[in-house]
Amino acid sequence: MSTSTQTLPDVDTRDSTGDDTPKMFHYVQKNKIAESAVMGTMVVALCGEVFPVTRSPKPGSPVCPDCKQIFEGLKPGPGGGE
């Protein structure tokens, strides 16, 4: 029996389009990113979108406006804004 191993890149967020071309990235809890990328578990974005992490944003990537607005409204400090 033959198995292959795939190495996943470092990832932050995922697009919500379901295809290989990211249309928009979402804010998710930082401590859930690696687990989702490796195990395929689902994460919940600030806007409520639920998905497994599959992509890493590049500078200038489009961000979900709902996530951005919620993130900007969070208080800085533990558990919020940073």
C-alpha atoms as a PDB file:
ATOM      1  CA  MET A   1       0.000   0.000   0.000  1.00  0.00           C
ATOM      2  CA  SER A   2       1.406   3.365  -1.011  1.00  0.00           C
ATOM      3  CA  THR A   3       0.700   6.629   0.788  1.00  0.00           C
ATOM      4  CA  SER A   4       1.810  10.129   0.015  1.00  0.00           C
ATOM      5  CA  THR A   5       2.580  12.932   2.418  1.00  0.00           C
ATOM      6  CA  GLN A   6       1.734  16.519   1.640  1.00  0.00           C
ATOM      7  CA  THR A   7       3.428  19.403   3.422  1.00  0.00           C
ATOM      8  CA  LEU A   8       1.115  22.313   4.079  1.00  0.00           C
ATOM      9  CA  PRO A   9       2.420  25.890   3.963  1.00  0.00           C
ATOM     10  CA  ASP A  10       2.018  28.305   6.872  1.00  0.00           C
ATOM     11  CA  VAL A  11      -1.498  29.674   6.679  1.00  0.00           C
ATOM     12  CA  ASP A  12      -3.515  32.451   8.266  1.00  0.00           C
ATOM     13  CA  THR A  13      -6.957  32.479   6.745  1.00  0.00           C
ATOM     14  CA  ARG A  14      -8.988  30.994   3.954  1.00  0.00           C
ATOM     15  CA  ASP A  15     -11.069  32.197   1.090  1.00  0.00           C
ATOM     16  CA  SER A  16     -14.814  31.547   1.137  1.00  0.00           C
ATOM     17  CA  THR A  17     -15.160  30.746  -2.554  1.00  0.00           C
ATOM     18  CA  GLY A  18     -14.386  27.030  -2.421  1.00  0.00           C
ATOM     19  CA  ASP A  19     -12.019  27.172  -5.402  1.00  0.00           C
ATOM     20  CA  ASP A  20      -8.268  27.657  -5.752  1.00  0.00           C
ATOM     21  CA  THR A  21      -8.496  31.399  -6.396  1.00  0.00           C
ATOM     22  CA  PRO A  22      -8.971  33.258  -3.101  1.00  0.00           C
ATOM     23  CA  LYS A  23     -11.604  35.961  -3.461  1.00  0.00           C
ATOM     24  CA  MET A  24     -11.701  37.155   0.136  1.00  0.00           C
ATOM     25  CA  PHE A  25      -9.907  36.283   3.360  1.00  0.00           C
ATOM     26  CA  HIS A  26     -11.438  36.180   6.838  1.00  0.00           C
ATOM     27  CA  TYR A  27     -10.218  36.896  10.375  1.00  0.00           C
ATOM     28  CA  VAL A  28     -10.034  33.746  12.529  1.00  0.00           C
ATOM     29  CA  GLN A  29      -8.581  32.894  15.954  1.00  0.00           C
ATOM     30  CA  LYS A  30      -4.817  32.667  15.574  1.00  0.00           C
ATOM     31  CA  ASN A  31      -4.541  29.626  17.851  1.00  0.00           C
ATOM     32  CA  LYS A  32      -6.904  27.620  15.595  1.00  0.00           C
ATOM     33  CA  ILE A  33      -5.078  28.201  12.290  1.00  0.00           C
ATOM     34  CA  ALA A  34      -2.382  25.504  12.457  1.00  0.00           C
ATOM     35  CA  GLU A  35      -4.783  22.848  13.754  1.00  0.00           C
ATOM     36  CA  SER A  36      -7.213  23.586  10.945  1.00  0.00           C
ATOM     37  CA  ALA A  37      -4.475  23.565   8.303  1.00  0.00           C
ATOM     38  CA  VAL A  38      -3.052  20.237   9.486  1.00  0.00           C
ATOM     39  CA  MET A  39      -6.138  18.384  10.700  1.00  0.00           C
ATOM     40  CA  GLY A  40      -8.736  19.951   8.419  1.00  0.00           C
ATOM     41  CA  THR A  41     -10.880  21.055  11.351  1.00  0.00           C
ATOM     42  CA  MET A  42     -13.285  23.903  10.797  1.00  0.00           C
ATOM     43  CA  VAL A  43     -12.677  27.445  12.046  1.00  0.00           C
ATOM     44  CA  VAL A  44     -15.235  30.194  12.572  1.00  0.00           C
ATOM     45  CA  ALA A  45     -14.425  33.640  11.196  1.00  0.00           C
ATOM     46  CA  LEU A  46     -15.445  36.796  13.036  1.00  0.00           C
ATOM     47  CA  CYS A  47     -18.259  37.241  10.492  1.00  0.00           C
ATOM     48  CA  GLY A  48     -19.592  33.739  11.186  1.00  0.00           C
ATOM     49  CA  GLU A  49     -18.225  31.996   8.061  1.00  0.00           C
ATOM     50  CA  VAL A  50     -17.208  28.392   8.875  1.00  0.00           C
ATOM     51  CA  PHE A  51     -14.476  26.633   6.854  1.00  0.00           C
ATOM     52  CA  PRO A  52     -11.165  24.734   7.053  1.00  0.00           C
ATOM     53  CA  VAL A  53      -7.995  26.836   6.629  1.00  0.00           C
ATOM     54  CA  THR A  54      -6.444  26.161   3.211  1.00  0.00           C
ATOM     55  CA  ARG A  55      -4.739  29.376   2.103  1.00  0.00           C
ATOM     56  CA  SER A  56      -2.442  32.086   3.380  1.00  0.00           C
ATOM     57  CA  PRO A  57      -3.136  35.713   2.441  1.00  0.00           C
ATOM     58  CA  LYS A  58      -0.507  37.766   0.665  1.00  0.00           C
ATOM     59  CA  PRO A  59      -0.024  41.501   1.183  1.00  0.00           C
ATOM     60  CA  GLY A  60      -2.872  43.301  -0.506  1.00  0.00           C
ATOM     61  CA  SER A  61      -5.240  40.301  -0.436  1.00  0.00           C
ATOM     62  CA  PRO A  62      -8.914  41.281  -0.126  1.00  0.00           C
ATOM     63  CA  VAL A  63     -10.323  40.969   3.399  1.00  0.00           C
ATOM     64  CA  CYS A  64     -13.940  40.271   4.335  1.00  0.00           C
ATOM     65  CA  PRO A  65     -15.414  43.700   5.175  1.00  0.00           C
ATOM     66  CA  ASP A  66     -17.576  42.236   7.954  1.00  0.00           C
ATOM     67  CA  CYS A  67     -14.572  40.559   9.612  1.00  0.00           C
ATOM     68  CA  LYS A  68     -12.526  43.748   9.293  1.00  0.00           C
ATOM     69  CA  GLN A  69     -15.253  45.882  10.861  1.00  0.00           C
ATOM     70  CA  ILE A  70     -15.702  43.449  13.769  1.00  0.00           C
ATOM     71  CA  PHE A  71     -11.919  43.170  14.291  1.00  0.00           C
ATOM     72  CA  GLU A  72     -11.494  46.943  14.362  1.00  0.00           C
ATOM     73  CA  GLY A  73     -14.216  47.158  17.014  1.00  0.00           C
ATOM     74  CA  LEU A  74     -12.488  44.683  19.354  1.00  0.00           C
ATOM     75  CA  LYS A  75     -10.627  46.001  22.379  1.00  0.00           C
ATOM     76  CA  PRO A  76      -6.836  45.483  22.257  1.00  0.00           C
ATOM     77  CA  GLY A  77      -5.403  42.988  24.709  1.00  0.00           C
ATOM     78  CA  PRO A  78      -5.923  39.330  25.631  1.00  0.00           C
ATOM     79  CA  GLY A  79      -8.656  37.776  23.533  1.00  0.00           C
ATOM     80  CA  GLY A  80      -9.435  40.847  21.490  1.00  0.00           C
ATOM     81  CA  GLY A  81      -7.901  42.836  18.712  1.00  0.00           C
ATOM     82  CA  GLU A  82      -4.364  41.456  18.849  1.00  0.00           C
END
